[in-house]
C-alpha atoms as a PDB file:
ATOM      1  CA  UNK A   1      19.734 -36.166  -6.683  1.00  0.00           C
ATOM      2  CA  UNK A   2      21.968 -38.910  -8.062  1.00  0.00           C
ATOM      3  CA  UNK A   3      23.388 -41.203  -5.393  1.00  0.00           C
ATOM      4  CA  UNK A   4      24.829 -44.651  -4.869  1.00  0.00           C
ATOM      5  CA  UNK A   5      23.209 -44.763  -1.409  1.00  0.00           C
ATOM      6  CA  UNK A   6      19.703 -45.790  -2.310  1.00  0.00           C
ATOM      7  CA  UNK A   7      18.198 -46.964   0.969  1.00  0.00           C
ATOM      8  CA  UNK A   8      14.688 -45.790   1.876  1.00  0.00           C
ATOM      9  CA  UNK A   9      15.709 -43.365   4.646  1.00  0.00           C
ATOM     10  CA  UNK A  10      18.144 -41.566   2.335  1.00  0.00           C
ATOM     11  CA  UNK A  11      15.368 -41.119  -0.226  1.00  0.00           C
ATOM     12  CA  UNK A  12      12.940 -39.838   2.437  1.00  0.00           C
ATOM     13  CA  UNK A  13      15.481 -37.332   3.796  1.00  0.00           C
ATOM     14  CA  UNK A  14      16.347 -36.154   0.279  1.00  0.00           C
ATOM     15  CA  UNK A  15      12.714 -35.471  -0.556  1.00  0.00           C
ATOM     16  CA  UNK A  16      11.700 -33.953   2.801  1.00  0.00           C
ATOM     17  CA  UNK A  17      14.830 -31.951   3.605  1.00  0.00           C
ATOM     18  CA  UNK A  18      16.600 -31.420   0.287  1.00  0.00           C
ATOM     19  CA  UNK A  19      13.572 -30.222  -1.689  1.00  0.00           C
ATOM     20  CA  UNK A  20      14.754 -32.247  -4.692  1.00  0.00           C
ATOM     21  CA  UNK A  21      12.882 -32.638  -7.958  1.00  0.00           C
ATOM     22  CA  UNK A  22      13.873 -36.261  -8.741  1.00  0.00           C
ATOM     23  CA  UNK A  23      15.770 -39.019  -6.898  1.00  0.00           C
ATOM     24  CA  UNK A  24      17.961 -41.344  -9.025  1.00  0.00           C
ATOM     25  CA  UNK A  25      20.211 -44.206  -7.960  1.00  0.00           C
ATOM     26  CA  UNK A  26      23.530 -45.107  -9.547  1.00  0.00           C
ATOM     27  CA  UNK A  27      24.214 -46.358 -12.089  1.00  0.00           C
ATOM     28  CA  UNK A  28      21.772 -44.244 -14.096  1.00  0.00           C
ATOM     29  CA  UNK A  29      20.952 -44.642 -17.762  1.00  0.00           C
ATOM     30  CA  UNK A  30      22.108 -41.623 -19.816  1.00  0.00           C
ATOM     31  CA  UNK A  31      18.753 -41.247 -21.566  1.00  0.00           C
ATOM     32  CA  UNK A  32      16.919 -41.249 -18.224  1.00  0.00           C
ATOM     33  CA  UNK A  33      19.316 -38.658 -16.795  1.00  0.00           C
ATOM     34  CA  UNK A  34      18.849 -36.374 -19.821  1.00  0.00           C
ATOM     35  CA  UNK A  35      15.061 -36.767 -19.562  1.00  0.00           C
ATOM     36  CA  UNK A  36      15.056 -35.912 -15.851  1.00  0.00           C
ATOM     37  CA  UNK A  37      17.301 -32.859 -16.323  1.00  0.00           C
ATOM     38  CA  UNK A  38      15.084 -31.609 -19.171  1.00  0.00           C
ATOM     39  CA  UNK A  39      11.960 -32.032 -17.022  1.00  0.00           C
ATOM     40  CA  UNK A  40      13.680 -30.253 -14.126  1.00  0.00           C
ATOM     41  CA  UNK A  41      14.498 -27.249 -16.291  1.00  0.00           C
ATOM     42  CA  UNK A  42      10.944 -27.167 -17.635  1.00  0.00           C
ATOM     43  CA  UNK A  43       9.580 -27.237 -14.068  1.00  0.00           C
ATOM     44  CA  UNK A  44      11.933 -24.414 -13.049  1.00  0.00           C
ATOM     45  CA  UNK A  45      10.832 -22.263 -15.996  1.00  0.00           C
ATOM     46  CA  UNK A  46       7.179 -22.953 -15.140  1.00  0.00           C
ATOM     47  CA  UNK A  47       7.642 -21.896 -11.507  1.00  0.00           C
ATOM     48  CA  UNK A  48       9.477 -18.713 -12.542  1.00  0.00           C
ATOM     49  CA  UNK A  49       6.788 -17.879 -15.107  1.00  0.00           C
ATOM     50  CA  UNK A  50       3.997 -18.381 -12.563  1.00  0.00           C
ATOM     51  CA  UNK A  51       5.839 -16.240 -10.014  1.00  0.00           C
ATOM     52  CA  UNK A  52       6.369 -13.450 -12.553  1.00  0.00           C
ATOM     53  CA  UNK A  53       2.720 -13.626 -13.635  1.00  0.00           C
ATOM     54  CA  UNK A  54       1.530 -13.439 -10.021  1.00  0.00           C
ATOM     55  CA  UNK A  55       3.794 -10.483  -9.230  1.00  0.00           C
ATOM     56  CA  UNK A  56       2.687  -8.596 -12.350  1.00  0.00           C
ATOM     57  CA  UNK A  57      -0.955  -9.363 -11.558  1.00  0.00           C
ATOM     58  CA  UNK A  58      -0.489  -8.106  -8.010  1.00  0.00           C
ATOM     59  CA  UNK A  59       1.235  -4.905  -9.144  1.00  0.00           C
ATOM     60  CA  UNK A  60      -1.484  -4.339 -11.738  1.00  0.00           C
ATOM     61  CA  UNK A  61      -4.230  -4.897  -9.170  1.00  0.00           C
ATOM     62  CA  UNK A  62      -2.681  -2.405  -6.741  1.00  0.00           C
ATOM     63  CA  UNK A  63      -2.293   0.136  -9.557  1.00  0.00           C
ATOM     64  CA  UNK A  64      -5.941  -0.190 -10.609  1.00  0.00           C
ATOM     65  CA  UNK A  65      -7.230   0.081  -7.043  1.00  0.00           C
ATOM     66  CA  UNK A  66      -5.049   3.133  -6.435  1.00  0.00           C
ATOM     67  CA  UNK A  67      -6.334   4.787  -9.619  1.00  0.00           C
ATOM     68  CA  UNK A  68      -9.933   4.072  -8.613  1.00  0.00           C
ATOM     69  CA  UNK A  69      -9.346   5.565  -5.171  1.00  0.00           C
ATOM     70  CA  UNK A  70      -7.692   8.687  -6.634  1.00  0.00           C
ATOM     71  CA  UNK A  71     -10.659   9.361  -8.922  1.00  0.00           C
ATOM     72  CA  UNK A  72     -13.514   8.338  -6.630  1.00  0.00           C
ATOM     73  CA  UNK A  73     -12.170   9.770  -3.374  1.00  0.00           C
ATOM     74  CA  UNK A  74      -9.372  12.342  -3.826  1.00  0.00           C
ATOM     75  CA  UNK A  75      -9.295  13.170  -0.098  1.00  0.00           C
ATOM     76  CA  UNK A  76      -8.802   9.515   0.852  1.00  0.00           C
ATOM     77  CA  UNK A  77      -6.171   9.096  -1.859  1.00  0.00           C
ATOM     78  CA  UNK A  78      -4.294  12.179  -0.679  1.00  0.00           C
ATOM     79  CA  UNK A  79      -4.148  10.878   2.883  1.00  0.00           C
ATOM     80  CA  UNK A  80      -3.101   7.411   1.712  1.00  0.00           C
ATOM     81  CA  UNK A  81      -0.178   8.927  -0.196  1.00  0.00           C
ATOM     82  CA  UNK A  82       0.932  10.920   2.856  1.00  0.00           C
ATOM     83  CA  UNK A  83       0.725   7.811   5.039  1.00  0.00           C
ATOM     84  CA  UNK A  84       2.647   5.839   2.420  1.00  0.00           C
ATOM     85  CA  UNK A  85       5.457   8.422   2.600  1.00  0.00           C
ATOM     86  CA  UNK A  86       5.738   7.990   6.377  1.00  0.00           C
ATOM     87  CA  UNK A  87       5.612   4.204   6.124  1.00  0.00           C
ATOM     88  CA  UNK A  88       8.260   4.093   3.380  1.00  0.00           C
ATOM     89  CA  UNK A  89      10.602   6.110   5.572  1.00  0.00           C
ATOM     90  CA  UNK A  90       9.934   3.991   8.667  1.00  0.00           C
ATOM     91  CA  UNK A  91      10.461   0.743   6.733  1.00  0.00           C
ATOM     92  CA  UNK A  92      13.755   2.043   5.327  1.00  0.00           C
ATOM     93  CA  UNK A  93      14.890   3.371   8.716  1.00  0.00           C
ATOM     94  CA  UNK A  94      14.143   0.049  10.439  1.00  0.00           C
ATOM     95  CA  UNK A  95      15.548  -2.033   7.529  1.00  0.00           C
ATOM     96  CA  UNK A  96      12.431  -4.200   7.466  1.00  0.00           C
ATOM     97  CA  UNK A  97      12.205  -7.181   5.147  1.00  0.00           C
ATOM     98  CA  UNK A  98       9.577  -7.335   2.360  1.00  0.00           C
ATOM     99  CA  UNK A  99       9.040  -3.554   2.407  1.00  0.00           C
ATOM    100  CA  UNK A 100       6.478  -3.798  -0.427  1.00  0.00           C
ATOM    101  CA  UNK A 101       3.931  -5.339   1.981  1.00  0.00           C
ATOM    102  CA  UNK A 102       3.995  -2.341   4.311  1.00  0.00           C
ATOM    103  CA  UNK A 103       3.977   0.187   1.469  1.00  0.00           C
ATOM    104  CA  UNK A 104       1.029  -1.468  -0.292  1.00  0.00           C
ATOM    105  CA  UNK A 105      -0.843  -1.624   3.024  1.00  0.00           C
ATOM    106  CA  UNK A 106      -0.266   2.119   3.450  1.00  0.00           C
ATOM    107  CA  UNK A 107      -1.446   2.839  -0.102  1.00  0.00           C
ATOM    108  CA  UNK A 108      -4.584   0.753   0.389  1.00  0.00           C
ATOM    109  CA  UNK A 109      -5.244   1.863   3.998  1.00  0.00           C
ATOM    110  CA  UNK A 110      -7.961   4.315   2.907  1.00  0.00           C
ATOM    111  CA  UNK A 111      -9.542   2.114   0.221  1.00  0.00           C
ATOM    112  CA  UNK A 112     -12.591   1.447   2.392  1.00  0.00           C
ATOM    113  CA  UNK A 113     -13.343   5.180   2.377  1.00  0.00           C
ATOM    114  CA  UNK A 114     -15.019   4.741  -1.011  1.00  0.00           C
ATOM    115  CA  UNK A 115     -18.013   3.623   1.064  1.00  0.00           C
ATOM    116  CA  UNK A 116     -18.184   6.968   2.924  1.00  0.00           C
ATOM    117  CA  UNK A 117     -20.007  10.136   1.980  1.00  0.00           C
ATOM    118  CA  UNK A 118     -17.507  12.690   0.559  1.00  0.00           C
ATOM    119  CA  UNK A 119     -18.678  15.353   3.029  1.00  0.00           C
ATOM    120  CA  UNK A 120     -18.123  12.974   5.938  1.00  0.00           C
ATOM    121  CA  UNK A 121     -14.663  12.160   4.657  1.00  0.00           C
ATOM    122  CA  UNK A 122     -13.639  15.789   4.354  1.00  0.00           C
ATOM    123  CA  UNK A 123     -14.929  16.463   7.864  1.00  0.00           C
ATOM    124  CA  UNK A 124     -12.780  13.611   9.170  1.00  0.00           C
ATOM    125  CA  UNK A 125      -9.623  14.828   7.441  1.00  0.00           C
ATOM    126  CA  UNK A 126     -10.285  18.390   8.575  1.00  0.00           C
ATOM    127  CA  UNK A 127     -10.614  17.229  12.187  1.00  0.00           C
ATOM    128  CA  UNK A 128     -14.285  18.220  12.434  1.00  0.00           C
ATOM    129  CA  UNK A 129     -17.047  16.761  14.600  1.00  0.00           C
ATOM    130  CA  UNK A 130     -19.004  13.741  13.368  1.00  0.00           C
ATOM    131  CA  UNK A 131     -22.444  12.429  14.239  1.00  0.00           C
ATOM    132  CA  UNK A 132     -22.651   8.992  15.957  1.00  0.00           C
ATOM    133  CA  UNK A 133     -23.757   7.440  12.645  1.00  0.00           C
ATOM    134  CA  UNK A 134     -20.827   8.985  10.789  1.00  0.00           C
ATOM    135  CA  UNK A 135     -18.398   7.806  13.468  1.00  0.00           C
ATOM    136  CA  UNK A 136     -19.693   4.250  13.121  1.00  0.00           C
ATOM    137  CA  UNK A 137     -19.210   4.381   9.344  1.00  0.00           C
ATOM    138  CA  UNK A 138     -15.661   5.703   9.722  1.00  0.00           C
ATOM    139  CA  UNK A 139     -14.731   3.035  12.236  1.00  0.00           C
ATOM    140  CA  UNK A 140     -15.912   0.375   9.784  1.00  0.00           C
ATOM    141  CA  UNK A 141     -14.025   1.535   6.669  1.00  0.00           C
ATOM    142  CA  UNK A 142     -10.857  -0.556   7.357  1.00  0.00           C
ATOM    143  CA  UNK A 143     -13.001  -3.705   7.393  1.00  0.00           C
ATOM    144  CA  UNK A 144     -14.509  -2.692   4.055  1.00  0.00           C
ATOM    145  CA  UNK A 145     -10.987  -2.534   2.618  1.00  0.00           C
ATOM    146  CA  UNK A 146     -10.147  -5.902   4.156  1.00  0.00           C
ATOM    147  CA  UNK A 147     -13.166  -7.523   2.511  1.00  0.00           C
ATOM    148  CA  UNK A 148     -12.166  -6.037  -0.856  1.00  0.00           C
ATOM    149  CA  UNK A 149      -8.558  -7.224  -0.622  1.00  0.00           C
ATOM    150  CA  UNK A 150      -8.559 -10.516   1.258  1.00  0.00           C
ATOM    151  CA  UNK A 151      -9.459 -12.675  -1.756  1.00  0.00           C
ATOM    152  CA  UNK A 152      -6.532 -11.412  -3.865  1.00  0.00           C
ATOM    153  CA  UNK A 153      -3.602 -13.886  -3.755  1.00  0.00           C
ATOM    154  CA  UNK A 154      -0.756 -12.755  -1.451  1.00  0.00           C
ATOM    155  CA  UNK A 155      -2.846  -9.840  -0.160  1.00  0.00           C
ATOM    156  CA  UNK A 156      -4.288 -11.580   2.906  1.00  0.00           C
ATOM    157  CA  UNK A 157      -1.644 -10.289   5.382  1.00  0.00           C
ATOM    158  CA  UNK A 158      -1.971  -6.801   3.888  1.00  0.00           C
ATOM    159  CA  UNK A 159      -5.754  -6.969   4.255  1.00  0.00           C
ATOM    160  CA  UNK A 160      -5.314  -7.784   7.956  1.00  0.00           C
ATOM    161  CA  UNK A 161      -2.848  -4.899   8.467  1.00  0.00           C
ATOM    162  CA  UNK A 162      -5.431  -2.522   7.035  1.00  0.00           C
ATOM    163  CA  UNK A 163      -8.343  -4.042   8.946  1.00  0.00           C
ATOM    164  CA  UNK A 164      -6.588  -3.422  12.263  1.00  0.00           C
ATOM    165  CA  UNK A 165      -5.092   0.015  11.596  1.00  0.00           C
ATOM    166  CA  UNK A 166      -7.382   1.479  14.280  1.00  0.00           C
ATOM    167  CA  UNK A 167      -7.502  -1.380  16.771  1.00  0.00           C
ATOM    168  CA  UNK A 168      -5.451  -4.084  18.440  1.00  0.00           C
ATOM    169  CA  UNK A 169      -4.797  -7.268  16.472  1.00  0.00           C
ATOM    170  CA  UNK A 170      -6.291 -10.593  17.683  1.00  0.00           C
ATOM    171  CA  UNK A 171      -3.791 -13.172  18.889  1.00  0.00           C
ATOM    172  CA  UNK A 172      -4.838 -15.812  16.345  1.00  0.00           C
ATOM    173  CA  UNK A 173      -5.515 -15.008  12.686  1.00  0.00           C
ATOM    174  CA  UNK A 174      -4.837 -18.511  11.429  1.00  0.00           C
ATOM    175  CA  UNK A 175      -1.548 -17.469   9.774  1.00  0.00           C
ATOM    176  CA  UNK A 176       2.099 -18.330  10.432  1.00  0.00           C
ATOM    177  CA  UNK A 177       4.028 -16.710  13.291  1.00  0.00           C
ATOM    178  CA  UNK A 178       6.225 -14.828  10.824  1.00  0.00           C
ATOM    179  CA  UNK A 179       3.227 -13.433   8.933  1.00  0.00           C
ATOM    180  CA  UNK A 180       1.507 -12.571  12.215  1.00  0.00           C
ATOM    181  CA  UNK A 181       4.552 -10.575  13.344  1.00  0.00           C
ATOM    182  CA  UNK A 182       4.578  -8.657  10.030  1.00  0.00           C
ATOM    183  CA  UNK A 183       0.825  -7.995  10.232  1.00  0.00           C
ATOM    184  CA  UNK A 184       1.065  -6.765  13.813  1.00  0.00           C
ATOM    185  CA  UNK A 185       4.005  -4.486  12.990  1.00  0.00           C
ATOM    186  CA  UNK A 186       2.361  -3.211   9.798  1.00  0.00           C
ATOM    187  CA  UNK A 187      -0.894  -2.351  11.575  1.00  0.00           C
ATOM    188  CA  UNK A 188       1.102  -0.584  14.302  1.00  0.00           C
ATOM    189  CA  UNK A 189       3.097   1.513  11.803  1.00  0.00           C
ATOM    190  CA  UNK A 190      -0.001   2.498   9.805  1.00  0.00           C
ATOM    191  CA  UNK A 191      -1.892   3.417  12.985  1.00  0.00           C
ATOM    192  CA  UNK A 192       1.014   5.599  14.124  1.00  0.00           C
ATOM    193  CA  UNK A 193       1.356   7.224  10.675  1.00  0.00           C
ATOM    194  CA  UNK A 194      -2.373   8.012  10.503  1.00  0.00           C
ATOM    195  CA  UNK A 195      -2.321   9.576  13.967  1.00  0.00           C
ATOM    196  CA  UNK A 196       0.857  11.528  13.232  1.00  0.00           C
ATOM    197  CA  UNK A 197      -0.572  12.815   9.941  1.00  0.00           C
ATOM    198  CA  UNK A 198      -3.862  13.855  11.571  1.00  0.00           C
ATOM    199  CA  UNK A 199      -2.003  15.823  14.256  1.00  0.00           C
ATOM    200  CA  UNK A 200       0.160  17.624  11.711  1.00  0.00           C
ATOM    201  CA  UNK A 201      -2.938  18.497   9.690  1.00  0.00           C
ATOM    202  CA  UNK A 202      -4.247  20.200  12.829  1.00  0.00           C
ATOM    203  CA  UNK A 203      -1.101  22.395  12.878  1.00  0.00           C
ATOM    204  CA  UNK A 204       0.521  20.385  15.643  1.00  0.00           C
ATOM    205  CA  UNK A 205       4.332  20.399  15.596  1.00  0.00           C
ATOM    206  CA  UNK A 206       6.215  17.186  14.821  1.00  0.00           C
ATOM    207  CA  UNK A 207       7.696  17.143  18.331  1.00  0.00           C
ATOM    208  CA  UNK A 208       4.292  17.559  20.005  1.00  0.00           C
ATOM    209  CA  UNK A 209       2.835  14.890  17.709  1.00  0.00           C
ATOM    210  CA  UNK A 210       5.632  12.534  18.749  1.00  0.00           C
ATOM    211  CA  UNK A 211       4.926  13.183  22.447  1.00  0.00           C
ATOM    212  CA  UNK A 212       1.247  12.427  21.855  1.00  0.00           C
ATOM    213  CA  UNK A 213       2.104   9.108  20.168  1.00  0.00           C
ATOM    214  CA  UNK A 214       4.415   8.187  23.022  1.00  0.00           C
ATOM    215  CA  UNK A 215       1.652   8.758  25.583  1.00  0.00           C
ATOM    216  CA  UNK A 216      -1.283   7.217  23.719  1.00  0.00           C
ATOM    217  CA  UNK A 217       0.164   4.336  21.676  1.00  0.00           C
ATOM    218  CA  UNK A 218       1.120   1.726  24.235  1.00  0.00           C
ATOM    219  CA  UNK A 219       3.948  -0.554  23.131  1.00  0.00           C
ATOM    220  CA  UNK A 220       4.818   1.541  20.064  1.00  0.00           C
ATOM    221  CA  UNK A 221       8.503   1.156  19.144  1.00  0.00           C
ATOM    222  CA  UNK A 222      10.261   4.488  19.724  1.00  0.00           C
ATOM    223  CA  UNK A 223      12.226   3.950  16.511  1.00  0.00           C
ATOM    224  CA  UNK A 224       8.967   4.298  14.570  1.00  0.00           C
ATOM    225  CA  UNK A 225       8.228   7.643  16.222  1.00  0.00           C
ATOM    226  CA  UNK A 226      11.801   8.853  15.712  1.00  0.00           C
ATOM    227  CA  UNK A 227      11.660   7.980  12.008  1.00  0.00           C
ATOM    228  CA  UNK A 228       8.456   9.977  11.542  1.00  0.00           C
ATOM    229  CA  UNK A 229       9.842  13.014  13.340  1.00  0.00           C
ATOM    230  CA  UNK A 230      13.036  13.092  11.265  1.00  0.00           C
ATOM    231  CA  UNK A 231      11.123  12.977   7.964  1.00  0.00           C
ATOM    232  CA  UNK A 232      11.024  16.464   6.510  1.00  0.00           C
ATOM    233  CA  UNK A 233       7.563  17.848   5.646  1.00  0.00           C
ATOM    234  CA  UNK A 234       6.487  17.324   2.061  1.00  0.00           C
ATOM    235  CA  UNK A 235       6.857  20.611   0.216  1.00  0.00           C
ATOM    236  CA  UNK A 236       5.691  21.780  -3.174  1.00  0.00           C
ATOM    237  CA  UNK A 237       7.670  20.364  -6.061  1.00  0.00           C
ATOM    238  CA  UNK A 238      10.365  22.421  -7.733  1.00  0.00           C
ATOM    239  CA  UNK A 239       9.291  24.324 -10.818  1.00  0.00           C
ATOM    240  CA  UNK A 240       5.592  24.548  -9.934  1.00  0.00           C
ATOM    241  CA  UNK A 241       3.737  26.634 -12.504  1.00  0.00           C
ATOM    242  CA  UNK A 242       0.155  27.340 -13.611  1.00  0.00           C
ATOM    243  CA  UNK A 243      -1.114  25.274 -16.554  1.00  0.00           C
ATOM    244  CA  UNK A 244      -4.397  25.206 -18.403  1.00  0.00           C
ATOM    245  CA  UNK A 245      -6.269  21.958 -17.668  1.00  0.00           C
ATOM    246  CA  UNK A 246      -6.780  21.471 -21.385  1.00  0.00           C
ATOM    247  CA  UNK A 247      -2.972  21.395 -21.745  1.00  0.00           C
ATOM    248  CA  UNK A 248      -2.122  19.209 -18.726  1.00  0.00           C
ATOM    249  CA  UNK A 249       0.528  16.572 -19.392  1.00  0.00           C
ATOM    250  CA  UNK A 250       0.275  13.094 -17.927  1.00  0.00           C
ATOM    251  CA  UNK A 251       2.758  12.448 -15.132  1.00  0.00           C
ATOM    252  CA  UNK A 252       2.817  16.018 -13.815  1.00  0.00           C
ATOM    253  CA  UNK A 253       1.958  16.569 -10.139  1.00  0.00           C
ATOM    254  CA  UNK A 254      -0.891  18.750  -8.893  1.00  0.00           C
ATOM    255  CA  UNK A 255       0.384  21.405  -6.484  1.00  0.00           C
ATOM    256  CA  UNK A 256      -3.055  22.499  -5.282  1.00  0.00           C
ATOM    257  CA  UNK A 257      -6.463  21.049  -4.492  1.00  0.00           C
ATOM    258  CA  UNK A 258      -8.930  21.327  -7.342  1.00  0.00           C
ATOM    259  CA  UNK A 259     -12.423  22.162  -6.092  1.00  0.00           C
ATOM    260  CA  UNK A 260     -15.720  23.126  -7.632  1.00  0.00           C
ATOM    261  CA  UNK A 261     -17.336  26.479  -6.861  1.00  0.00           C
ATOM    262  CA  UNK A 262     -19.420  24.669  -4.224  1.00  0.00           C
ATOM    263  CA  UNK A 263     -16.293  23.307  -2.542  1.00  0.00           C
ATOM    264  CA  UNK A 264     -16.434  19.695  -3.770  1.00  0.00           C
ATOM    265  CA  UNK A 265     -12.931  18.202  -3.923  1.00  0.00           C
ATOM    266  CA  UNK A 266     -12.286  16.989  -7.467  1.00  0.00           C
ATOM    267  CA  UNK A 267      -8.548  16.266  -7.186  1.00  0.00           C
ATOM    268  CA  UNK A 268      -6.118  16.583  -4.298  1.00  0.00           C
ATOM    269  CA  UNK A 269      -2.761  18.290  -4.059  1.00  0.00           C
ATOM    270  CA  UNK A 270       0.016  15.800  -4.705  1.00  0.00           C
ATOM    271  CA  UNK A 271      -1.929  13.649  -7.159  1.00  0.00           C
ATOM    272  CA  UNK A 272      -0.207  12.560 -10.320  1.00  0.00           C
ATOM    273  CA  UNK A 273      -2.071  13.449 -13.497  1.00  0.00           C
ATOM    274  CA  UNK A 274      -3.094  10.084 -14.948  1.00  0.00           C
ATOM    275  CA  UNK A 275      -5.424   9.390 -17.901  1.00  0.00           C
ATOM    276  CA  UNK A 276      -8.496   8.761 -15.661  1.00  0.00           C
ATOM    277  CA  UNK A 277      -7.823  11.901 -13.602  1.00  0.00           C
ATOM    278  CA  UNK A 278      -7.289  13.969 -16.741  1.00  0.00           C
ATOM    279  CA  UNK A 279     -10.645  12.808 -18.109  1.00  0.00           C
ATOM    280  CA  UNK A 280     -12.304  13.707 -14.808  1.00  0.00           C
ATOM    281  CA  UNK A 281     -10.792  17.195 -14.732  1.00  0.00           C
ATOM    282  CA  UNK A 282     -11.759  17.880 -18.346  1.00  0.00           C
ATOM    283  CA  UNK A 283     -15.292  16.649 -17.643  1.00  0.00           C
ATOM    284  CA  UNK A 284     -15.704  19.081 -14.730  1.00  0.00           C
ATOM    285  CA  UNK A 285     -14.089  21.822 -16.804  1.00  0.00           C
ATOM    286  CA  UNK A 286     -16.526  21.180 -19.643  1.00  0.00           C
ATOM    287  CA  UNK A 287     -19.418  21.715 -17.232  1.00  0.00           C
ATOM    288  CA  UNK A 288     -17.885  24.970 -16.032  1.00  0.00           C
ATOM    289  CA  UNK A 289     -17.629  23.580 -12.498  1.00  0.00           C
ATOM    290  CA  UNK A 290     -13.901  24.257 -12.000  1.00  0.00           C
ATOM    291  CA  UNK A 291     -11.342  26.848 -12.998  1.00  0.00           C
ATOM    292  CA  UNK A 292      -9.451  26.209 -16.229  1.00  0.00           C
ATOM    293  CA  UNK A 293      -6.031  26.656 -14.611  1.00  0.00           C
ATOM    294  CA  UNK A 294      -4.145  24.609 -12.023  1.00  0.00           C
ATOM    295  CA  UNK A 295      -0.647  24.706 -10.536  1.00  0.00           C
ATOM    296  CA  UNK A 296       1.493  21.662 -11.343  1.00  0.00           C
ATOM    297  CA  UNK A 297       5.109  20.572 -10.978  1.00  0.00           C
ATOM    298  CA  UNK A 298       7.190  18.292 -13.254  1.00  0.00           C
ATOM    299  CA  UNK A 299       6.913  14.505 -12.938  1.00  0.00           C
ATOM    300  CA  UNK A 300       8.714  12.920 -10.000  1.00  0.00           C
ATOM    301  CA  UNK A 301      11.993  11.219 -10.814  1.00  0.00           C
ATOM    302  CA  UNK A 302      11.703   7.442 -10.059  1.00  0.00           C
END
């Protein structure tokens, strides 16, 4: 800011309210002005570079965690992708700001399931009965995800959304009112999507699932329920065909679960064939544990 009004209050207001980089009074020496402008540009470039680095780091972190989940727990990954689809549609339908927060929370909502026994996890997703010990473990998995995510920069609100996907949010999390509103809404959407998905997996109709949400989820915005009902069921991709695992191409989409002869889930329907997943499939194939053929569809168009 370059001004001829150089009293103290003007300087204070400029710094506190104008978010200026430097305050100069007239007349100003040309060399000083050039120096200040050069420093201002350098500071701007530094801030942009740091922001870009942070965003790339965050995207890379989410990608790695998603890949780990897909390989370690295909059932959890499959459910996370279904929930993400519901959440994406709800966020678009409601025109919510910062949609990436809600989508990442959906993708990471099942991350804590890596701590669960695979048999327990499959029982949960199949709607089976659990022992008291297994129920306690399942109830705790969102907190496991929170503890994994909360120390990553910019992931704290997302970690809280995930932590409270199955329970009401405390009034005070020590965050701003705006962040608290996003966290509360995100947890509510994920909770509704998980319930809706579980009901559909039990062959419940979308209308009946919506009625159940209306009755059991107190305070749930009807627009969220309406958005989930209007979303068409995910169907097999066009051009699905059988392919030998040895010839699988990266980027193609699995159109069936891949299980061992004993029923262990190796990869879930809907997973994208990535390098880690391809290595896993070939490893199981090499041991003779899975069939050498799987149905796939072409890569999804971005």
